[in-house]
């Protein structure tokens, strides 16, 4: 069985979806939990349509059905049991408007079948994203769906090389080899390997959520932005654009002259994926090689060369001459770690290698959970709704590249607010008319498309154009600091 929450693989992960459909033809059951009737939901065997942010209620209710039959008892199970039992299907049926028999049926299917749990940004980009991920993983634990072939958890992230970025330490608070800066022993291991003085590596870090505030307080004077377009993609995007003017220096390193690059003091032209070589890690932990297909134009260089040249100019001894040399250093930093690829050679990359030791299944060494209570107030008033932002089929992120394609642009003219038919009737608007959208952060106008795949005081807006992000607040998950892009409270009226 395949259970997906807050993700639309039919549109956003087409290769994976073909495999899912192949399994479905052989008898697998596909369950989709999503406030929106996505392409994946249309093809699913069961679609549980709930209001945004209420996954915690549903997951606790599913757990309450199978607590007494748990196959694995993780640490913290009693705390988990105490809270889950507060959400029996009879009660949750009333809270969510979901038939209690559907909840019971899903619970039994998970218990009796090998299940893969998938979730995406629809879970992560909420106020309780980390807690929801813990609940999903707990369901996998107690039903015996971890460490067994044909089972597991598969969080589907929004970027091509998210796993590889974490392995390399390219995430706030991380170091190479899946180490963390708040672990003193792990930081010392990296300092010793690089031969740098103790405390050269900071023991604290700031996410973009923190940096935004520091910019506003003028505690950041220079910003180096690499391969991202925050003027469009961040919450309070208009404010972020204004904050850039507070800085003494803004450097943007990118392959395209994005909206953010236009605000920069210095633009460093970077090579695209086809103009440089490198390595990447797929979602199944397979490390592979990306070959260079052509030379970059003009003065463009691969990112590593730009960083090296700037580092040398600043007086650092960065004597790297090739990607292979960098790889050889990196793989030694994985030695003995979970993502150990230290026995690989650069040539081995061409055949792919799945860490650890080419194993397809990893048996967890420790099972741990906690009770997750439902605390978020999700009630809204008349004419208020939750706006969910997300992708469309034809565009990628802020359209820096996909907008260059005439075909993709002509097929992907989806800069609308998508409202359900009932909501359109309530507002007395038709497709093509304009509405005014108000939030605590500001006001915008948008064209409406009335559709039958959103409902329950929910609207959908593609984020590629950045319209919704201009009025998006900075409420974020307290642990991951991920902004709650999927739960924007808004007041909508006819313009």
Protein backbone atom coordinates (compact mmCIF):
# COMPACT_ATOMS: atom_id res chain seq x y z
CA UNK A 1 0.00 0.00 0.00
CA UNK A 2 1.12 3.56 -0.69
CA UNK A 3 -0.01 6.37 1.57
CA UNK A 4 0.69 9.97 0.51
CA UNK A 5 0.06 13.10 2.58
CA UNK A 6 0.31 16.65 1.29
CA UNK A 7 2.12 15.79 -1.93
CA UNK A 8 1.10 15.45 -5.57
CA UNK A 9 3.55 13.01 -7.18
CA UNK A 10 1.39 12.63 -10.31
CA UNK A 11 2.32 16.21 -11.25
CA UNK A 12 5.53 16.90 -9.33
CA UNK A 13 7.29 13.50 -9.31
CA UNK A 14 6.17 11.88 -12.59
CA UNK A 15 8.84 9.14 -12.69
CA UNK A 16 7.96 8.04 -9.16
CA UNK A 17 4.26 8.21 -9.99
CA UNK A 18 4.66 5.81 -12.91
CA UNK A 19 6.16 3.32 -10.45
CA UNK A 20 3.30 3.88 -8.03
CA UNK A 21 0.73 3.26 -10.77
CA UNK A 22 2.66 0.15 -11.82
CA UNK A 23 2.37 -1.17 -8.25
CA UNK A 24 -1.29 -0.24 -8.18
CA UNK A 25 -1.94 -2.37 -11.27
CA UNK A 26 -0.49 -5.29 -9.32
CA UNK A 27 -2.90 -4.79 -6.44
CA UNK A 28 -1.40 -2.02 -4.30
CA UNK A 29 -3.85 0.44 -2.76
CA UNK A 30 -3.08 4.17 -3.08
CA UNK A 31 -4.37 6.50 -0.35
CA UNK A 32 -4.06 10.27 -0.71
CA UNK A 33 -4.65 12.74 2.13
CA UNK A 34 -4.93 16.26 0.72
CA UNK A 35 -7.26 19.28 1.04
CA UNK A 36 -7.11 19.61 -2.76
CA UNK A 37 -8.35 17.10 -5.31
CA UNK A 38 -5.00 16.81 -7.06
CA UNK A 39 -4.08 14.65 -10.06
CA UNK A 40 -2.82 12.07 -7.58
CA UNK A 41 -6.08 12.18 -5.61
CA UNK A 42 -8.10 11.60 -8.79
CA UNK A 43 -6.19 8.39 -9.45
CA UNK A 44 -6.12 7.17 -5.84
CA UNK A 45 -8.22 4.36 -4.41
CA UNK A 46 -9.03 6.48 -1.36
CA UNK A 47 -8.90 10.29 -1.12
CA UNK A 48 -9.29 11.75 2.36
CA UNK A 49 -10.10 15.43 1.86
CA UNK A 50 -9.51 17.39 5.03
CA UNK A 51 -9.05 21.07 5.80
CA UNK A 52 -5.47 22.41 5.80
CA UNK A 53 -3.39 21.69 8.90
CA UNK A 54 -5.57 18.95 10.37
CA UNK A 55 -3.29 16.03 9.50
CA UNK A 56 -2.38 15.69 13.19
CA UNK A 57 -6.00 14.97 14.08
CA UNK A 58 -6.36 12.35 11.35
CA UNK A 59 -3.05 10.63 12.12
CA UNK A 60 -3.77 10.44 15.84
CA UNK A 61 -7.16 8.93 15.06
CA UNK A 62 -5.66 6.29 12.76
CA UNK A 63 -3.17 5.45 15.50
CA UNK A 64 -5.92 5.15 18.12
CA UNK A 65 -7.44 2.24 16.22
CA UNK A 66 -4.27 0.13 16.23
CA UNK A 67 -2.53 1.04 19.50
CA UNK A 68 -3.31 -2.28 21.16
CA UNK A 69 -1.93 -4.21 18.17
CA UNK A 70 1.36 -2.32 17.82
CA UNK A 71 4.10 -4.50 16.34
CA UNK A 72 6.91 -2.28 17.64
CA UNK A 73 6.84 -0.34 20.92
CA UNK A 74 9.08 2.73 20.55
CA UNK A 75 10.46 4.87 23.35
CA UNK A 76 7.80 7.38 24.39
CA UNK A 77 4.98 5.06 23.35
CA UNK A 78 2.92 5.59 26.51
CA UNK A 79 2.93 9.35 26.04
CA UNK A 80 1.96 8.79 22.41
CA UNK A 81 -0.84 6.40 23.43
CA UNK A 82 -2.24 8.84 25.99
CA UNK A 83 -2.74 11.56 23.39
CA UNK A 84 -3.77 9.35 20.47
CA UNK A 85 -6.61 7.82 22.48
CA UNK A 86 -8.11 11.32 22.73
CA UNK A 87 -8.91 11.13 19.02
CA UNK A 88 -11.17 8.10 18.45
CA UNK A 89 -12.70 7.84 14.94
CA UNK A 90 -16.16 8.67 16.29
CA UNK A 91 -14.95 12.05 17.54
CA UNK A 92 -12.64 12.80 14.62
CA UNK A 93 -15.38 11.99 12.15
CA UNK A 94 -17.22 15.04 13.50
CA UNK A 95 -14.10 17.24 13.58
CA UNK A 96 -12.98 16.47 10.04
CA UNK A 97 -16.18 15.50 8.27
CA UNK A 98 -14.62 12.16 7.38
CA UNK A 99 -16.58 8.89 7.69
CA UNK A 100 -15.30 7.05 10.76
CA UNK A 101 -15.30 3.79 8.77
CA UNK A 102 -12.79 5.32 6.35
CA UNK A 103 -10.44 6.07 9.27
CA UNK A 104 -10.84 2.56 10.66
CA UNK A 105 -10.33 1.01 7.22
CA UNK A 106 -7.09 2.95 6.63
CA UNK A 107 -5.77 1.93 10.05
CA UNK A 108 -6.44 -1.75 9.40
CA UNK A 109 -4.91 -1.60 5.91
CA UNK A 110 -1.72 -0.06 7.29
CA UNK A 111 -1.58 -2.73 9.98
CA UNK A 112 -2.14 -5.64 7.62
CA UNK A 113 -0.25 -4.51 4.49
CA UNK A 114 3.27 -3.49 3.64
CA UNK A 115 3.01 0.29 3.39
CA UNK A 116 5.21 3.11 2.12
CA UNK A 117 4.43 6.49 3.68
CA UNK A 118 5.14 9.54 1.50
CA UNK A 119 4.71 13.17 2.36
CA UNK A 120 5.78 16.48 0.93
CA UNK A 121 5.64 20.24 1.33
CA UNK A 122 1.94 20.07 2.14
CA UNK A 123 3.06 18.63 5.48
CA UNK A 124 6.41 20.36 5.97
CA UNK A 125 5.21 23.87 5.16
CA UNK A 126 2.71 24.15 8.01
CA UNK A 127 2.96 25.39 11.59
CA UNK A 128 3.31 21.80 12.82
CA UNK A 129 5.32 20.22 9.99
CA UNK A 130 7.93 18.47 12.16
CA UNK A 131 5.31 17.12 14.54
CA UNK A 132 3.26 15.80 11.63
CA UNK A 133 6.36 14.08 10.23
CA UNK A 134 6.95 12.47 13.63
CA UNK A 135 3.38 11.17 13.64
CA UNK A 136 3.71 9.70 10.14
CA UNK A 137 6.96 8.00 11.13
CA UNK A 138 5.36 6.70 14.32
CA UNK A 139 2.56 5.08 12.32
CA UNK A 140 5.23 3.40 10.19
CA UNK A 141 7.02 2.20 13.36
CA UNK A 142 4.11 0.73 15.28
CA UNK A 143 2.71 -1.03 12.21
CA UNK A 144 6.05 -2.69 11.39
CA UNK A 145 6.56 -0.67 8.23
CA UNK A 146 10.19 0.30 8.78
CA UNK A 147 13.32 -1.68 7.98
CA UNK A 148 11.43 -4.25 5.89
CA UNK A 149 11.56 -4.48 2.06
CA UNK A 150 8.49 -2.91 0.49
CA UNK A 151 7.93 -0.54 3.42
CA UNK A 152 9.34 2.71 4.74
CA UNK A 153 8.97 6.48 4.93
CA UNK A 154 9.72 8.62 1.88
CA UNK A 155 9.56 12.38 2.45
CA UNK A 156 9.43 13.99 -0.99
CA UNK A 157 11.29 17.30 -0.91
CA UNK A 158 11.00 20.12 -3.36
CA UNK A 159 14.54 20.13 -4.74
CA UNK A 160 16.49 17.82 -7.02
CA UNK A 161 19.46 17.18 -4.71
CA UNK A 162 18.05 17.78 -1.24
CA UNK A 163 19.63 14.62 0.18
CA UNK A 164 23.01 15.42 -1.33
CA UNK A 165 22.87 18.95 0.05
CA UNK A 166 22.38 17.58 3.57
CA UNK A 167 25.23 15.10 3.18
CA UNK A 168 27.54 17.93 2.14
CA UNK A 169 26.42 20.16 5.01
CA UNK A 170 24.69 22.68 2.74
CA UNK A 171 21.81 23.22 5.16
CA UNK A 172 21.59 25.57 8.13
CA UNK A 173 23.20 23.94 11.16
CA UNK A 174 24.75 21.01 9.28
CA UNK A 175 28.28 19.90 8.42
CA UNK A 176 29.54 17.23 5.97
CA UNK A 177 28.71 13.62 6.79
CA UNK A 178 25.29 14.42 8.30
CA UNK A 179 26.89 16.19 11.25
CA UNK A 180 25.36 19.06 13.23
CA UNK A 181 26.99 22.19 14.62
CA UNK A 182 25.26 21.76 17.99
CA UNK A 183 27.10 18.45 18.50
CA UNK A 184 30.52 19.39 19.91
CA UNK A 185 32.18 16.08 19.06
CA UNK A 186 31.00 16.22 15.45
CA UNK A 187 32.19 19.80 14.99
CA UNK A 188 35.61 18.89 16.39
CA UNK A 189 35.87 15.98 13.94
CA UNK A 190 35.45 18.37 11.01
CA UNK A 191 37.84 20.96 12.45
CA UNK A 192 40.49 18.28 12.99
CA UNK A 193 40.04 16.85 9.51
CA UNK A 194 40.42 20.28 7.91
CA UNK A 195 43.30 21.16 10.24
CA UNK A 196 41.78 24.43 11.39
CA UNK A 197 41.92 25.97 14.90
CA UNK A 198 39.35 24.97 17.47
CA UNK A 199 36.13 27.05 17.33
CA UNK A 200 36.79 28.11 13.73
CA UNK A 201 33.37 26.57 13.02
CA UNK A 202 30.54 28.39 14.83
CA UNK A 203 28.51 26.27 17.25
CA UNK A 204 25.30 28.16 16.41
CA UNK A 205 23.52 28.99 13.18
CA UNK A 206 20.77 31.09 11.64
CA UNK A 207 18.12 29.90 9.21
CA UNK A 208 16.72 32.26 6.59
CA UNK A 209 13.85 32.83 9.02
CA UNK A 210 16.35 34.16 11.58
CA UNK A 211 18.38 36.07 9.00
CA UNK A 212 15.30 37.91 7.81
CA UNK A 213 14.86 39.35 11.31
CA UNK A 214 18.57 40.14 11.60
CA UNK A 215 18.42 42.07 8.32
CA UNK A 216 15.52 44.10 9.66
CA UNK A 217 17.52 44.85 12.83
CA UNK A 218 20.49 45.79 10.63
CA UNK A 219 22.70 43.16 12.21
CA UNK A 220 23.55 41.74 8.78
CA UNK A 221 25.43 44.14 6.54
CA UNK A 222 26.26 41.91 3.57
CA UNK A 223 24.43 39.01 1.94
CA UNK A 224 25.70 36.45 -0.57
CA UNK A 225 22.75 34.71 -2.26
CA UNK A 226 23.56 31.58 -4.29
CA UNK A 227 21.11 29.90 -6.65
CA UNK A 228 17.86 31.12 -5.11
CA UNK A 229 15.39 33.91 -5.76
CA UNK A 230 14.08 35.13 -2.36
CA UNK A 231 12.55 38.32 -3.76
CA UNK A 232 9.87 36.02 -5.19
CA UNK A 233 10.05 32.88 -3.05
CA UNK A 234 10.14 34.11 0.55
CA UNK A 235 7.19 35.12 2.73
CA UNK A 236 6.75 38.90 2.94
CA UNK A 237 8.62 38.96 -0.37
CA UNK A 238 8.08 42.68 -0.98
CA UNK A 239 9.48 43.45 2.46
CA UNK A 240 12.53 41.28 1.80
CA UNK A 241 13.18 43.23 -1.39
CA UNK A 242 13.06 46.47 0.63
CA UNK A 243 15.36 45.01 3.29
CA UNK A 244 18.06 44.39 0.68
CA UNK A 245 18.46 48.17 0.46
CA UNK A 246 19.45 48.17 4.16
CA UNK A 247 22.59 46.19 3.37
CA UNK A 248 26.01 47.53 2.43
CA UNK A 249 26.57 44.75 -0.08
CA UNK A 250 24.31 42.28 -1.91
CA UNK A 251 25.99 39.58 -4.03
CA UNK A 252 23.91 37.21 -6.15
CA UNK A 253 25.43 34.13 -7.72
CA UNK A 254 23.06 32.63 -10.28
CA UNK A 255 22.69 31.33 -13.81
CA UNK A 256 19.82 33.70 -14.58
CA UNK A 257 19.15 37.39 -14.08
CA UNK A 258 16.40 36.76 -11.52
CA UNK A 259 14.31 39.37 -9.72
CA UNK A 260 16.78 39.06 -6.83
CA UNK A 261 19.81 39.42 -9.10
CA UNK A 262 18.38 42.71 -10.38
CA UNK A 263 18.61 44.05 -6.81
CA UNK A 264 22.27 43.01 -6.37
CA UNK A 265 25.37 45.17 -6.22
CA UNK A 266 27.40 42.35 -7.77
CA UNK A 267 26.16 39.44 -9.92
CA UNK A 268 28.41 36.38 -10.28
CA UNK A 269 27.41 34.30 -13.34
CA UNK A 270 27.19 30.58 -12.49
CA UNK A 271 27.22 27.61 -14.85
CA UNK A 272 24.00 25.60 -15.18
CA UNK A 273 23.67 21.84 -14.55
CA UNK A 274 24.72 20.95 -18.11
CA UNK A 275 27.79 23.19 -18.01
CA UNK A 276 29.52 21.59 -15.03
CA UNK A 277 30.13 18.16 -13.57
CA UNK A 278 29.33 16.99 -10.07
CA UNK A 279 27.60 14.41 -7.90
CA UNK A 280 24.09 14.13 -6.55
CA UNK A 281 22.13 11.85 -4.23
CA UNK A 282 18.69 10.57 -5.21
CA UNK A 283 15.81 9.97 -2.81
CA UNK A 284 16.76 6.28 -2.49
CA UNK A 285 20.25 7.27 -1.21
CA UNK A 286 21.97 6.49 -4.53
CA UNK A 287 24.98 8.74 -5.12
CA UNK A 288 25.55 9.31 -8.82
CA UNK A 289 27.61 11.32 -11.29
CA UNK A 290 26.40 14.30 -13.31
CA UNK A 291 28.48 14.80 -16.43
CA UNK A 292 29.36 18.07 -18.08
CA UNK A 293 27.77 18.40 -21.53
CA UNK A 294 29.09 21.74 -22.73
CA UNK A 295 31.21 24.70 -21.68
CA UNK A 296 29.56 27.60 -19.85
CA UNK A 297 29.12 30.83 -21.84
CA UNK A 298 31.10 34.01 -21.30
CA UNK A 299 32.52 34.46 -17.81
CA UNK A 300 30.20 31.92 -16.16
CA UNK A 301 31.91 29.36 -13.92
CA UNK A 302 30.79 26.36 -11.83
CA UNK A 303 29.78 27.40 -8.31
CA UNK A 304 32.75 25.63 -6.71
CA UNK A 305 35.20 27.60 -8.85
CA UNK A 306 33.57 30.91 -7.95
CA UNK A 307 33.71 30.08 -4.25
CA UNK A 308 37.33 28.91 -4.53
CA UNK A 309 38.47 32.07 -6.33
CA UNK A 310 36.77 34.35 -3.85
CA UNK A 311 38.21 32.34 -0.97
CA UNK A 312 41.72 32.58 -2.37
CA UNK A 313 41.26 36.32 -2.90
CA UNK A 314 40.32 36.59 0.78
CA UNK A 315 43.50 34.78 1.83
CA UNK A 316 42.24 31.23 2.38
CA UNK A 317 44.22 28.25 1.16
CA UNK A 318 41.68 26.61 -1.14
CA UNK A 319 43.87 24.57 -3.44
CA UNK A 320 41.07 22.66 -5.17
CA UNK A 321 41.62 21.98 -8.86
CA UNK A 322 38.82 19.57 -9.75
CA UNK A 323 35.48 18.16 -8.66
CA UNK A 324 37.22 14.81 -8.16
CA UNK A 325 39.58 16.38 -5.62
CA UNK A 326 36.63 17.85 -3.72
CA UNK A 327 34.83 14.50 -3.85
CA UNK A 328 37.83 12.68 -2.39
CA UNK A 329 37.89 15.09 0.55
CA UNK A 330 34.13 14.85 1.02
CA UNK A 331 33.99 11.05 1.00
CA UNK A 332 36.56 10.89 3.82
CA UNK A 333 34.27 13.09 5.90
CA UNK A 334 31.56 10.43 5.49
CA UNK A 335 33.80 7.61 6.80
CA UNK A 336 32.07 5.86 9.68
CA UNK A 337 28.95 7.99 9.28
CA UNK A 338 25.50 6.85 8.22
CA UNK A 339 26.12 8.13 4.68
CA UNK A 340 29.51 6.37 4.41
CA UNK A 341 30.78 6.36 0.81
CA UNK A 342 34.49 6.36 1.75
CA UNK A 343 35.23 3.18 -0.23
CA UNK A 344 34.03 4.68 -3.51
CA UNK A 345 36.27 6.02 -6.23
CA UNK A 346 35.29 8.86 -8.51
CA UNK A 347 34.87 6.37 -11.38
CA UNK A 348 32.44 4.34 -9.24
CA UNK A 349 30.03 7.27 -9.31
CA UNK A 350 29.18 6.54 -12.93
CA UNK A 351 27.49 3.31 -11.84
CA UNK A 352 25.81 4.76 -8.76
CA UNK A 353 26.25 3.69 -5.16
CA UNK A 354 23.58 3.55 -2.48
CA UNK A 355 24.76 4.25 1.04
CA UNK A 356 25.32 2.52 3.36
CA UNK A 357 27.12 -0.37 1.64
CA UNK A 358 24.66 -0.47 -1.28
CA UNK A 359 21.87 -1.60 1.05
CA UNK A 360 18.34 -0.96 -0.19
CA UNK A 361 16.86 -1.25 3.31
CA UNK A 362 18.18 0.24 6.56
CA UNK A 363 17.15 -1.34 9.85
CA UNK A 364 16.63 1.43 12.45
CA UNK A 365 18.81 1.10 15.55
CA UNK A 366 16.39 2.95 17.78
CA UNK A 367 12.65 3.61 17.68
CA UNK A 368 11.48 6.76 19.45
CA UNK A 369 8.33 8.87 19.42
CA UNK A 370 6.33 11.33 21.49
CA UNK A 371 2.74 12.42 21.93
CA UNK A 372 1.61 15.10 19.48
CA UNK A 373 -1.32 17.21 20.61
CA UNK A 374 -3.56 19.22 18.32
CA UNK A 375 -3.22 22.84 19.41
CA UNK A 376 -3.61 24.96 16.29
CA UNK A 377 -6.74 27.07 16.00
CA UNK A 378 -7.95 26.52 12.47
CA UNK A 379 -11.44 27.99 12.68
CA UNK A 380 -12.08 30.85 10.27
CA UNK A 381 -14.82 33.38 9.82
CA UNK A 382 -17.15 34.01 6.89
CA UNK A 383 -15.33 35.08 3.72
CA UNK A 384 -12.07 33.97 5.31
CA UNK A 385 -10.21 31.03 3.88
CA UNK A 386 -6.88 29.25 3.89
CA UNK A 387 -4.73 29.77 0.82
CA UNK A 388 -2.48 26.86 -0.08
CA UNK A 389 0.45 27.68 -2.35
CA UNK A 390 2.01 25.06 -4.58
CA UNK A 391 3.47 24.06 -7.93
CA UNK A 392 1.88 23.64 -11.30
CA UNK A 393 2.94 21.08 -13.89
CA UNK A 394 4.61 23.49 -16.26
CA UNK A 395 6.81 25.63 -14.04
CA UNK A 396 9.68 25.18 -11.62
CA UNK A 397 10.08 27.33 -8.52
CA UNK A 398 10.20 31.03 -9.50
CA UNK A 399 10.17 30.37 -13.27
CA UNK A 400 13.77 31.58 -13.69
CA UNK A 401 14.27 28.90 -16.28
CA UNK A 402 10.86 27.54 -17.26
CA UNK A 403 9.64 31.02 -18.23
CA UNK A 404 12.27 31.01 -20.99
CA UNK A 405 10.33 28.24 -22.76
CA UNK A 406 7.51 29.52 -24.97
CA UNK A 407 5.74 26.16 -24.77
CA UNK A 408 5.88 25.89 -20.98
CA UNK A 409 4.79 29.49 -20.55
CA UNK A 410 1.88 29.13 -22.96
CA UNK A 411 0.70 25.94 -21.24
CA UNK A 412 1.33 27.22 -17.73
CA UNK A 413 -0.55 30.53 -17.54
CA UNK A 414 -1.87 29.75 -14.08
CA UNK A 415 -1.29 33.00 -12.20
CA UNK A 416 -4.73 32.82 -10.56
CA UNK A 417 -6.39 32.23 -7.26
CA UNK A 418 -8.30 28.96 -7.66
CA UNK A 419 -11.58 28.99 -5.73
CA UNK A 420 -14.19 26.28 -5.34
CA UNK A 421 -17.54 26.72 -7.08
CA UNK A 422 -19.29 27.23 -3.75
CA UNK A 423 -16.84 29.94 -2.74
CA UNK A 424 -17.23 31.66 -6.12
CA UNK A 425 -21.02 31.69 -5.68
CA UNK A 426 -20.68 33.09 -2.17
CA UNK A 427 -18.47 35.92 -3.48
CA UNK A 428 -20.58 36.40 -6.64
CA UNK A 429 -17.53 36.05 -8.88
CA UNK A 430 -16.89 34.11 -12.07
CA UNK A 431 -13.71 32.87 -13.70
CA UNK A 432 -11.73 35.77 -15.11
CA UNK A 433 -13.03 38.32 -12.62
CA UNK A 434 -10.86 39.94 -9.99
CA UNK A 435 -10.86 39.53 -6.22
CA UNK A 436 -9.12 41.42 -3.46
CA UNK A 437 -7.11 39.32 -1.02
CA UNK A 438 -6.27 40.73 2.40
CA UNK A 439 -3.99 39.27 5.08
CA UNK A 440 -2.20 40.69 8.11
CA UNK A 441 0.76 41.43 5.84
CA UNK A 442 -0.98 43.33 3.06
CA UNK A 443 -3.31 43.28 0.12
CA UNK A 444 -3.17 42.08 -3.48
CA UNK A 445 -5.60 41.56 -6.32
CA UNK A 446 -5.78 38.38 -8.37
CA UNK A 447 -7.82 36.88 -11.18
CA UNK A 448 -10.16 34.05 -10.20
CA UNK A 449 -10.57 30.60 -11.65
CA UNK A 450 -13.61 28.75 -10.34
CA UNK A 451 -12.88 25.01 -10.12
CA UNK A 452 -14.34 21.88 -8.58
CA UNK A 453 -11.12 20.54 -7.03
CA UNK A 454 -10.85 22.89 -4.04
CA UNK A 455 -13.44 23.31 -1.28
CA UNK A 456 -13.83 23.60 2.50
CA UNK A 457 -12.88 27.31 2.72
CA UNK A 458 -9.69 26.54 0.85
CA UNK A 459 -8.06 28.28 -2.11
CA UNK A 460 -5.00 27.39 -4.16
CA UNK A 461 -2.43 29.78 -5.61
CA UNK A 462 0.69 28.74 -7.57
CA UNK A 463 3.78 30.28 -5.98
CA UNK A 464 5.80 30.61 -9.19
CA UNK A 465 4.82 34.27 -9.72
CA UNK A 466 5.26 35.21 -6.05
CA UNK A 467 1.91 36.95 -5.76
CA UNK A 468 0.77 35.10 -2.63
CA UNK A 469 4.21 35.38 -1.03
CA UNK A 470 3.92 39.17 -0.99
CA UNK A 471 1.16 38.87 1.60
CA UNK A 472 2.46 35.69 3.29
CA UNK A 473 3.34 36.04 6.96
CA UNK A 474 6.47 34.62 8.59
CA UNK A 475 4.74 32.08 10.82
CA UNK A 476 6.94 29.01 10.72
CA UNK A 477 7.42 25.59 12.29
CA UNK A 478 9.31 26.20 15.57
CA UNK A 479 11.73 23.33 14.94
CA UNK A 480 12.45 23.37 11.19
CA UNK A 481 11.78 27.12 10.76
CA UNK A 482 9.95 26.18 7.54
CA UNK A 483 7.43 28.92 6.70
CA UNK A 484 3.76 27.88 6.67
CA UNK A 485 3.18 28.42 2.95
CA UNK A 486 0.25 25.98 3.02
CA UNK A 487 -1.83 27.81 5.63
CA UNK A 488 -2.19 31.49 4.74
CA UNK A 489 -5.25 32.96 6.42
CA UNK A 490 -6.89 35.45 4.09
CA UNK A 491 -10.03 37.54 3.71
CA UNK A 492 -11.31 37.54 0.14
CA UNK A 493 -13.91 39.76 -1.49
CA UNK A 494 -14.91 40.75 -4.99
CA UNK A 495 -12.76 43.60 -6.30
